[in-house]
Amino acid sequence: MRSKFFISIMLILLISADYACCQSPGLITDHFNALGKHDIKAIAAGYTDSAKVYSPNWEGAKTGQAGINEVYSRYFASTPDLAYKVTHIINAGEYIAAEYTVSGTLSKPEGNTPAYMKDKKYTLDYCAVFIIKGDKIIKETDYFDQVAFLRQVGFFDQK
């Protein structure tokens, strides 16, 4: 009797979790498809106007679609061959975690970038945690190894 009750509860939880987690996977798939196409307008459309995006690339948060436009305009300009490859997506209701690899060549660095970084190739493993409300991203927190990036672009080779 007890085991039937437990199994019933587990099935209800699994069905509920499956429903909750599958409400927004298209949003994240669309997000990474737009990243791959460097389609800034489509990327920004996936965020609310008040969304907060955190990354080791900057201090504090970038906010809303304007912040997304700023970030990805810079990324795609400095690394025109920037490519994304998703390796795992974990759906947990309004939380979605994505592991992915970013690779490219820093062929058009911004003005304040040291000259030795120009034309350096890099590949980084990222993890992003998204919080979704409705059909929009309200928060994204990105994680990657900054030391690995600096190593690949020659920072530690400088004397």
N, C-alpha and C. Protein backbone atom coordinates (compact mmCIF):
# COMPACT_ATOMS: atom_id res chain seq x y z
N MET A 1 0.82 -1.19 0.00
CA MET A 1 0.00 0.00 0.00
C MET A 1 0.87 1.26 0.00
N ARG A 2 1.84 1.26 0.90
CA ARG A 2 2.72 2.40 1.00
C ARG A 2 3.51 2.62 -0.30
N SER A 3 3.99 1.55 -0.91
CA SER A 3 4.77 1.68 -2.13
C SER A 3 3.90 2.14 -3.30
N LYS A 4 2.64 1.74 -3.38
CA LYS A 4 1.74 2.23 -4.43
C LYS A 4 1.50 3.73 -4.28
N PHE A 5 1.35 4.17 -3.04
CA PHE A 5 1.17 5.59 -2.79
C PHE A 5 2.41 6.37 -3.22
N PHE A 6 3.58 5.87 -2.84
CA PHE A 6 4.84 6.51 -3.21
C PHE A 6 5.00 6.58 -4.73
N ILE A 7 4.72 5.48 -5.40
CA ILE A 7 4.83 5.44 -6.86
C ILE A 7 3.85 6.43 -7.49
N SER A 8 2.63 6.51 -6.97
CA SER A 8 1.64 7.46 -7.50
C SER A 8 2.12 8.90 -7.34
N ILE A 9 2.64 9.21 -6.16
CA ILE A 9 3.15 10.56 -5.92
C ILE A 9 4.32 10.87 -6.86
N MET A 10 5.22 9.91 -7.02
CA MET A 10 6.37 10.11 -7.91
C MET A 10 5.91 10.34 -9.35
N LEU A 11 4.95 9.59 -9.81
CA LEU A 11 4.43 9.78 -11.17
C LEU A 11 3.82 11.16 -11.34
N ILE A 12 3.06 11.60 -10.35
CA ILE A 12 2.46 12.93 -10.42
C ILE A 12 3.55 13.99 -10.48
N LEU A 13 4.58 13.85 -9.63
CA LEU A 13 5.68 14.81 -9.63
C LEU A 13 6.42 14.81 -10.96
N LEU A 14 6.69 13.63 -11.51
CA LEU A 14 7.39 13.53 -12.79
C LEU A 14 6.58 14.16 -13.92
N ILE A 15 5.29 13.87 -13.93
CA ILE A 15 4.43 14.45 -14.97
C ILE A 15 4.38 15.97 -14.81
N SER A 16 4.25 16.45 -13.56
CA SER A 16 4.23 17.90 -13.32
C SER A 16 5.55 18.53 -13.71
N ALA A 17 6.65 17.91 -13.31
CA ALA A 17 7.97 18.46 -13.64
C ALA A 17 8.17 18.46 -15.15
N ASP A 18 7.74 17.39 -15.82
CA ASP A 18 7.90 17.31 -17.27
C ASP A 18 7.10 18.43 -17.93
N TYR A 19 5.88 18.67 -17.45
CA TYR A 19 5.08 19.75 -18.02
C TYR A 19 5.75 21.10 -17.79
N ALA A 20 6.20 21.33 -16.55
CA ALA A 20 6.81 22.62 -16.22
C ALA A 20 8.09 22.83 -17.00
N CYS A 21 8.91 21.79 -17.12
CA CYS A 21 10.20 21.97 -17.76
C CYS A 21 10.07 22.12 -19.26
N CYS A 22 9.00 21.67 -19.80
CA CYS A 22 8.90 21.69 -21.26
C CYS A 22 8.10 22.88 -21.78
N GLN A 23 7.77 23.80 -20.92
CA GLN A 23 7.07 24.98 -21.38
C GLN A 23 7.98 25.92 -22.15
N SER A 24 9.27 25.96 -21.81
CA SER A 24 10.17 26.94 -22.39
C SER A 24 11.38 26.40 -23.13
N PRO A 25 11.47 25.11 -23.42
CA PRO A 25 12.70 24.67 -24.09
C PRO A 25 12.85 25.30 -25.47
N GLY A 26 11.74 25.62 -26.12
CA GLY A 26 11.82 26.26 -27.43
C GLY A 26 12.47 27.63 -27.34
N LEU A 27 12.23 28.34 -26.25
CA LEU A 27 12.84 29.65 -26.06
C LEU A 27 14.36 29.53 -26.02
N ILE A 28 14.88 28.55 -25.30
CA ILE A 28 16.33 28.39 -25.19
C ILE A 28 16.91 27.86 -26.51
N THR A 29 16.21 26.95 -27.16
CA THR A 29 16.65 26.48 -28.48
C THR A 29 16.69 27.65 -29.45
N ASP A 30 15.64 28.47 -29.45
CA ASP A 30 15.61 29.65 -30.32
C ASP A 30 16.75 30.61 -29.97
N HIS A 31 17.03 30.76 -28.69
CA HIS A 31 18.11 31.63 -28.22
C HIS A 31 19.45 31.20 -28.82
N PHE A 32 19.76 29.91 -28.71
CA PHE A 32 21.04 29.44 -29.24
C PHE A 32 21.07 29.42 -30.76
N ASN A 33 19.94 29.19 -31.40
CA ASN A 33 19.89 29.31 -32.86
C ASN A 33 20.19 30.74 -33.29
N ALA A 34 19.62 31.72 -32.58
CA ALA A 34 19.86 33.13 -32.91
C ALA A 34 21.32 33.51 -32.63
N LEU A 35 21.90 32.96 -31.55
CA LEU A 35 23.32 33.21 -31.28
C LEU A 35 24.17 32.70 -32.44
N GLY A 36 23.86 31.50 -32.91
CA GLY A 36 24.62 30.91 -34.01
C GLY A 36 24.53 31.72 -35.29
N LYS A 37 23.41 32.40 -35.48
CA LYS A 37 23.21 33.23 -36.69
C LYS A 37 23.66 34.67 -36.48
N HIS A 38 24.09 35.00 -35.25
CA HIS A 38 24.48 36.37 -34.89
C HIS A 38 23.31 37.33 -35.10
N ASP A 39 22.10 36.87 -34.83
CA ASP A 39 20.88 37.65 -35.02
C ASP A 39 20.53 38.36 -33.71
N ILE A 40 21.10 39.53 -33.53
CA ILE A 40 20.96 40.26 -32.27
C ILE A 40 19.51 40.60 -31.98
N LYS A 41 18.76 40.96 -32.99
CA LYS A 41 17.35 41.30 -32.79
C LYS A 41 16.58 40.09 -32.23
N ALA A 42 16.81 38.92 -32.78
CA ALA A 42 16.14 37.70 -32.30
C ALA A 42 16.62 37.32 -30.90
N ILE A 43 17.91 37.51 -30.63
CA ILE A 43 18.43 37.21 -29.29
C ILE A 43 17.74 38.11 -28.27
N ALA A 44 17.74 39.41 -28.53
CA ALA A 44 17.15 40.37 -27.59
C ALA A 44 15.66 40.14 -27.39
N ALA A 45 14.97 39.67 -28.42
CA ALA A 45 13.52 39.45 -28.32
C ALA A 45 13.17 38.38 -27.28
N GLY A 46 14.11 37.55 -26.91
CA GLY A 46 13.85 36.50 -25.92
C GLY A 46 13.91 36.98 -24.48
N TYR A 47 14.28 38.23 -24.25
CA TYR A 47 14.42 38.78 -22.91
C TYR A 47 13.34 39.82 -22.62
N THR A 48 12.97 39.94 -21.34
CA THR A 48 12.08 41.04 -20.95
C THR A 48 12.88 42.33 -20.93
N ASP A 49 12.18 43.45 -20.90
CA ASP A 49 12.86 44.75 -20.86
C ASP A 49 13.62 44.96 -19.55
N SER A 50 13.24 44.22 -18.51
CA SER A 50 13.91 44.37 -17.22
C SER A 50 14.82 43.18 -16.88
N ALA A 51 15.05 42.31 -17.84
CA ALA A 51 15.89 41.13 -17.59
C ALA A 51 17.28 41.55 -17.13
N LYS A 52 17.86 40.75 -16.26
CA LYS A 52 19.22 40.99 -15.77
C LYS A 52 20.12 39.88 -16.29
N VAL A 53 21.27 40.27 -16.85
CA VAL A 53 22.23 39.31 -17.39
C VAL A 53 23.58 39.56 -16.70
N TYR A 54 24.12 38.49 -16.13
CA TYR A 54 25.38 38.55 -15.40
C TYR A 54 26.41 37.68 -16.09
N SER A 55 27.66 38.17 -16.14
CA SER A 55 28.75 37.44 -16.77
C SER A 55 30.07 37.87 -16.15
N PRO A 56 31.07 36.99 -16.15
CA PRO A 56 32.41 37.42 -15.73
C PRO A 56 33.02 38.46 -16.67
N ASN A 57 32.39 38.70 -17.82
CA ASN A 57 32.90 39.67 -18.79
C ASN A 57 32.71 41.13 -18.37
N TRP A 58 31.85 41.37 -17.38
CA TRP A 58 31.60 42.74 -16.95
C TRP A 58 31.15 42.72 -15.50
N GLU A 59 31.20 43.89 -14.86
CA GLU A 59 30.73 44.01 -13.48
C GLU A 59 29.24 44.33 -13.48
N GLY A 60 28.54 43.80 -12.49
CA GLY A 60 27.12 44.07 -12.37
C GLY A 60 26.32 43.38 -13.45
N ALA A 61 25.14 43.92 -13.70
CA ALA A 61 24.22 43.31 -14.66
C ALA A 61 24.05 44.20 -15.88
N LYS A 62 23.84 43.56 -17.01
CA LYS A 62 23.33 44.25 -18.20
C LYS A 62 21.82 44.08 -18.11
N THR A 63 21.09 45.10 -18.49
CA THR A 63 19.65 45.07 -18.28
C THR A 63 18.89 45.13 -19.59
N GLY A 64 17.93 44.21 -19.71
CA GLY A 64 16.96 44.22 -20.79
C GLY A 64 17.54 44.07 -22.18
N GLN A 65 16.69 44.33 -23.13
CA GLN A 65 17.06 44.17 -24.53
C GLN A 65 18.17 45.13 -24.93
N ALA A 66 18.22 46.32 -24.33
CA ALA A 66 19.30 47.27 -24.64
C ALA A 66 20.65 46.70 -24.21
N GLY A 67 20.70 46.10 -23.03
CA GLY A 67 21.94 45.48 -22.56
C GLY A 67 22.37 44.32 -23.44
N ILE A 68 21.40 43.53 -23.89
CA ILE A 68 21.68 42.41 -24.79
C ILE A 68 22.23 42.93 -26.12
N ASN A 69 21.61 43.96 -26.66
CA ASN A 69 22.10 44.55 -27.91
C ASN A 69 23.54 45.02 -27.77
N GLU A 70 23.86 45.68 -26.66
CA GLU A 70 25.22 46.17 -26.43
C GLU A 70 26.22 45.02 -26.39
N VAL A 71 25.93 44.01 -25.59
CA VAL A 71 26.86 42.89 -25.40
C VAL A 71 27.11 42.14 -26.69
N TYR A 72 26.05 41.73 -27.36
CA TYR A 72 26.24 40.90 -28.55
C TYR A 72 26.73 41.69 -29.75
N SER A 73 26.45 42.96 -29.82
CA SER A 73 27.04 43.78 -30.87
C SER A 73 28.55 43.79 -30.74
N ARG A 74 29.03 43.92 -29.51
CA ARG A 74 30.47 43.92 -29.25
C ARG A 74 31.07 42.54 -29.54
N TYR A 75 30.43 41.49 -29.04
CA TYR A 75 30.96 40.12 -29.24
C TYR A 75 31.09 39.80 -30.73
N PHE A 76 30.02 40.04 -31.46
CA PHE A 76 30.02 39.66 -32.88
C PHE A 76 30.92 40.55 -33.72
N ALA A 77 31.13 41.80 -33.29
CA ALA A 77 32.05 42.68 -34.01
C ALA A 77 33.50 42.28 -33.78
N SER A 78 33.84 41.95 -32.53
CA SER A 78 35.24 41.62 -32.22
C SER A 78 35.62 40.20 -32.66
N THR A 79 34.64 39.31 -32.68
CA THR A 79 34.88 37.91 -33.06
C THR A 79 33.83 37.51 -34.09
N PRO A 80 34.01 37.92 -35.35
CA PRO A 80 32.99 37.67 -36.37
C PRO A 80 32.70 36.19 -36.64
N ASP A 81 33.64 35.32 -36.30
CA ASP A 81 33.40 33.89 -36.53
C ASP A 81 32.93 33.17 -35.26
N LEU A 82 32.44 33.92 -34.28
CA LEU A 82 32.00 33.35 -33.01
C LEU A 82 30.95 32.26 -33.25
N ALA A 83 31.21 31.08 -32.68
CA ALA A 83 30.31 29.94 -32.88
C ALA A 83 29.93 29.35 -31.53
N TYR A 84 28.74 28.80 -31.48
CA TYR A 84 28.19 28.22 -30.25
C TYR A 84 27.81 26.76 -30.52
N LYS A 85 28.15 25.89 -29.56
CA LYS A 85 27.75 24.49 -29.66
C LYS A 85 27.21 24.06 -28.31
N VAL A 86 25.91 23.79 -28.26
CA VAL A 86 25.26 23.37 -27.02
C VAL A 86 25.57 21.89 -26.78
N THR A 87 25.97 21.58 -25.55
CA THR A 87 26.27 20.19 -25.20
C THR A 87 25.21 19.58 -24.29
N HIS A 88 24.60 20.37 -23.42
CA HIS A 88 23.55 19.88 -22.53
C HIS A 88 22.58 21.01 -22.20
N ILE A 89 21.32 20.65 -22.09
CA ILE A 89 20.31 21.57 -21.56
C ILE A 89 19.53 20.81 -20.50
N ILE A 90 19.41 21.42 -19.34
CA ILE A 90 18.66 20.82 -18.24
C ILE A 90 17.48 21.74 -17.94
N ASN A 91 16.29 21.21 -18.05
CA ASN A 91 15.07 21.96 -17.78
C ASN A 91 14.56 21.61 -16.38
N ALA A 92 14.31 22.62 -15.57
CA ALA A 92 13.78 22.42 -14.22
C ALA A 92 12.75 23.51 -13.95
N GLY A 93 11.63 23.40 -14.63
CA GLY A 93 10.58 24.40 -14.45
C GLY A 93 11.00 25.72 -15.03
N GLU A 94 10.98 26.76 -14.19
CA GLU A 94 11.36 28.09 -14.68
C GLU A 94 12.87 28.28 -14.77
N TYR A 95 13.63 27.29 -14.30
CA TYR A 95 15.09 27.34 -14.38
C TYR A 95 15.56 26.42 -15.51
N ILE A 96 16.43 26.95 -16.34
CA ILE A 96 17.02 26.14 -17.41
C ILE A 96 18.52 26.39 -17.38
N ALA A 97 19.29 25.31 -17.33
CA ALA A 97 20.75 25.41 -17.37
C ALA A 97 21.22 24.87 -18.71
N ALA A 98 22.17 25.57 -19.31
CA ALA A 98 22.72 25.15 -20.59
C ALA A 98 24.23 25.12 -20.48
N GLU A 99 24.82 24.01 -20.92
CA GLU A 99 26.27 23.92 -21.07
C GLU A 99 26.55 24.03 -22.55
N TYR A 100 27.54 24.83 -22.89
CA TYR A 100 27.85 25.03 -24.31
C TYR A 100 29.30 25.46 -24.46
N THR A 101 29.78 25.36 -25.69
CA THR A 101 31.13 25.76 -26.03
C THR A 101 31.06 26.95 -26.97
N VAL A 102 31.92 27.92 -26.72
CA VAL A 102 32.04 29.10 -27.57
C VAL A 102 33.44 29.07 -28.18
N SER A 103 33.53 29.31 -29.47
CA SER A 103 34.85 29.37 -30.10
C SER A 103 34.86 30.45 -31.17
N GLY A 104 36.04 31.00 -31.37
CA GLY A 104 36.19 32.04 -32.38
C GLY A 104 37.60 32.60 -32.40
N THR A 105 37.77 33.60 -33.23
CA THR A 105 39.06 34.28 -33.39
C THR A 105 38.85 35.76 -33.08
N LEU A 106 39.63 36.29 -32.18
CA LEU A 106 39.54 37.70 -31.81
C LEU A 106 40.19 38.53 -32.91
N SER A 107 39.53 38.59 -34.06
CA SER A 107 40.14 39.21 -35.25
C SER A 107 39.95 40.72 -35.33
N LYS A 108 38.95 41.24 -34.63
CA LYS A 108 38.70 42.69 -34.65
C LYS A 108 38.52 43.19 -33.22
N PRO A 109 39.58 43.12 -32.42
CA PRO A 109 39.45 43.51 -31.01
C PRO A 109 39.07 44.97 -30.85
N GLU A 110 38.41 45.28 -29.74
CA GLU A 110 38.03 46.65 -29.44
C GLU A 110 39.28 47.48 -29.19
N GLY A 111 39.15 48.79 -29.24
CA GLY A 111 40.27 49.70 -29.14
C GLY A 111 41.16 49.54 -27.93
N ASN A 112 40.60 49.17 -26.78
CA ASN A 112 41.41 49.06 -25.57
C ASN A 112 41.97 47.65 -25.34
N THR A 113 41.82 46.77 -26.31
CA THR A 113 42.34 45.40 -26.21
C THR A 113 43.83 45.40 -26.57
N PRO A 114 44.66 44.74 -25.76
CA PRO A 114 46.10 44.69 -26.10
C PRO A 114 46.33 44.07 -27.47
N ALA A 115 47.31 44.62 -28.20
CA ALA A 115 47.59 44.18 -29.58
C ALA A 115 47.94 42.70 -29.67
N TYR A 116 48.59 42.15 -28.66
CA TYR A 116 48.98 40.74 -28.72
C TYR A 116 47.78 39.79 -28.76
N MET A 117 46.59 40.25 -28.42
CA MET A 117 45.41 39.39 -28.44
C MET A 117 44.80 39.27 -29.84
N LYS A 118 45.16 40.19 -30.74
CA LYS A 118 44.58 40.18 -32.08
C LYS A 118 44.89 38.87 -32.80
N ASP A 119 43.86 38.34 -33.44
CA ASP A 119 43.91 37.11 -34.23
C ASP A 119 44.16 35.84 -33.41
N LYS A 120 43.97 35.92 -32.11
CA LYS A 120 44.10 34.72 -31.27
C LYS A 120 42.77 33.95 -31.29
N LYS A 121 42.89 32.65 -31.44
CA LYS A 121 41.72 31.76 -31.40
C LYS A 121 41.47 31.36 -29.95
N TYR A 122 40.21 31.15 -29.62
CA TYR A 122 39.88 30.68 -28.28
C TYR A 122 38.67 29.77 -28.33
N THR A 123 38.62 28.87 -27.36
CA THR A 123 37.49 27.97 -27.16
C THR A 123 37.22 27.92 -25.67
N LEU A 124 35.99 28.19 -25.28
CA LEU A 124 35.63 28.24 -23.86
C LEU A 124 34.40 27.40 -23.59
N ASP A 125 34.42 26.70 -22.47
CA ASP A 125 33.24 25.97 -22.01
C ASP A 125 32.46 26.91 -21.09
N TYR A 126 31.20 27.07 -21.40
CA TYR A 126 30.31 27.94 -20.63
C TYR A 126 29.22 27.13 -19.96
N CYS A 127 28.64 27.73 -18.92
CA CYS A 127 27.39 27.27 -18.35
C CYS A 127 26.54 28.52 -18.15
N ALA A 128 25.30 28.46 -18.57
CA ALA A 128 24.37 29.57 -18.37
C ALA A 128 23.16 29.05 -17.63
N VAL A 129 22.72 29.81 -16.64
CA VAL A 129 21.50 29.48 -15.92
C VAL A 129 20.49 30.58 -16.24
N PHE A 130 19.37 30.16 -16.80
CA PHE A 130 18.31 31.07 -17.20
C PHE A 130 17.13 30.92 -16.25
N ILE A 131 16.48 32.03 -15.95
CA ILE A 131 15.19 31.99 -15.26
C ILE A 131 14.17 32.53 -16.26
N ILE A 132 13.11 31.75 -16.44
CA ILE A 132 12.09 32.05 -17.45
C ILE A 132 10.77 32.38 -16.75
N LYS A 133 10.11 33.41 -17.20
CA LYS A 133 8.74 33.71 -16.78
C LYS A 133 7.93 33.87 -18.05
N GLY A 134 6.88 33.06 -18.15
CA GLY A 134 6.08 33.08 -19.37
C GLY A 134 6.93 32.59 -20.52
N ASP A 135 7.11 33.42 -21.51
CA ASP A 135 7.90 33.02 -22.68
C ASP A 135 9.12 33.92 -22.88
N LYS A 136 9.65 34.48 -21.77
CA LYS A 136 10.80 35.39 -21.84
C LYS A 136 11.82 35.05 -20.76
N ILE A 137 13.06 35.38 -21.03
CA ILE A 137 14.13 35.25 -20.05
C ILE A 137 14.09 36.48 -19.15
N ILE A 138 14.06 36.25 -17.82
CA ILE A 138 14.08 37.38 -16.89
C ILE A 138 15.44 37.51 -16.20
N LYS A 139 16.22 36.42 -16.22
CA LYS A 139 17.56 36.48 -15.63
C LYS A 139 18.43 35.43 -16.30
N GLU A 140 19.68 35.80 -16.54
CA GLU A 140 20.67 34.87 -17.08
C GLU A 140 21.97 35.12 -16.33
N THR A 141 22.59 34.04 -15.87
CA THR A 141 23.89 34.13 -15.24
C THR A 141 24.82 33.18 -15.98
N ASP A 142 25.92 33.73 -16.51
CA ASP A 142 26.88 32.95 -17.29
C ASP A 142 28.13 32.68 -16.47
N TYR A 143 28.70 31.50 -16.70
CA TYR A 143 29.93 31.12 -16.02
C TYR A 143 30.90 30.56 -17.06
N PHE A 144 32.16 30.98 -16.98
CA PHE A 144 33.23 30.40 -17.79
C PHE A 144 34.55 30.70 -17.10
N ASP A 145 35.59 30.03 -17.53
CA ASP A 145 36.92 30.16 -16.94
C ASP A 145 37.67 31.31 -17.61
N GLN A 146 37.74 32.46 -16.93
CA GLN A 146 38.44 33.62 -17.50
C GLN A 146 39.93 33.35 -17.66
N VAL A 147 40.52 32.56 -16.78
CA VAL A 147 41.95 32.25 -16.89
C VAL A 147 42.21 31.48 -18.18
N ALA A 148 41.30 30.56 -18.52
CA ALA A 148 41.46 29.81 -19.78
C ALA A 148 41.43 30.76 -20.98
N PHE A 149 40.54 31.74 -20.94
CA PHE A 149 40.49 32.72 -22.03
C PHE A 149 41.80 33.50 -22.11
N LEU A 150 42.25 34.02 -20.98
CA LEU A 150 43.49 34.81 -20.96
C LEU A 150 44.68 33.99 -21.43
N ARG A 151 44.71 32.73 -21.06
CA ARG A 151 45.80 31.85 -21.51
C ARG A 151 45.78 31.70 -23.04
N GLN A 152 44.59 31.52 -23.60
CA GLN A 152 44.46 31.28 -25.04
C GLN A 152 44.76 32.52 -25.87
N VAL A 153 44.55 33.70 -25.31
CA VAL A 153 44.82 34.92 -26.08
C VAL A 153 46.18 35.54 -25.76
N GLY A 154 47.03 34.81 -25.04
CA GLY A 154 48.42 35.21 -24.87
C GLY A 154 48.74 36.10 -23.67
N PHE A 155 47.80 36.30 -22.79
CA PHE A 155 48.02 37.18 -21.64
C PHE A 155 49.23 36.73 -20.80
N PHE A 156 49.34 35.44 -20.56
CA PHE A 156 50.39 34.94 -19.68
C PHE A 156 51.73 34.80 -20.39
N ASP A 157 51.76 35.03 -21.70
CA ASP A 157 53.01 34.97 -22.45
C ASP A 157 53.75 36.30 -22.42
N GLN A 158 53.11 37.33 -21.87
CA GLN A 158 53.71 38.67 -21.86
C GLN A 158 54.74 38.77 -20.74
N LYS A 159 55.85 39.41 -21.03
CA LYS A 159 56.93 39.57 -20.03
C LYS A 159 57.04 41.01 -19.64
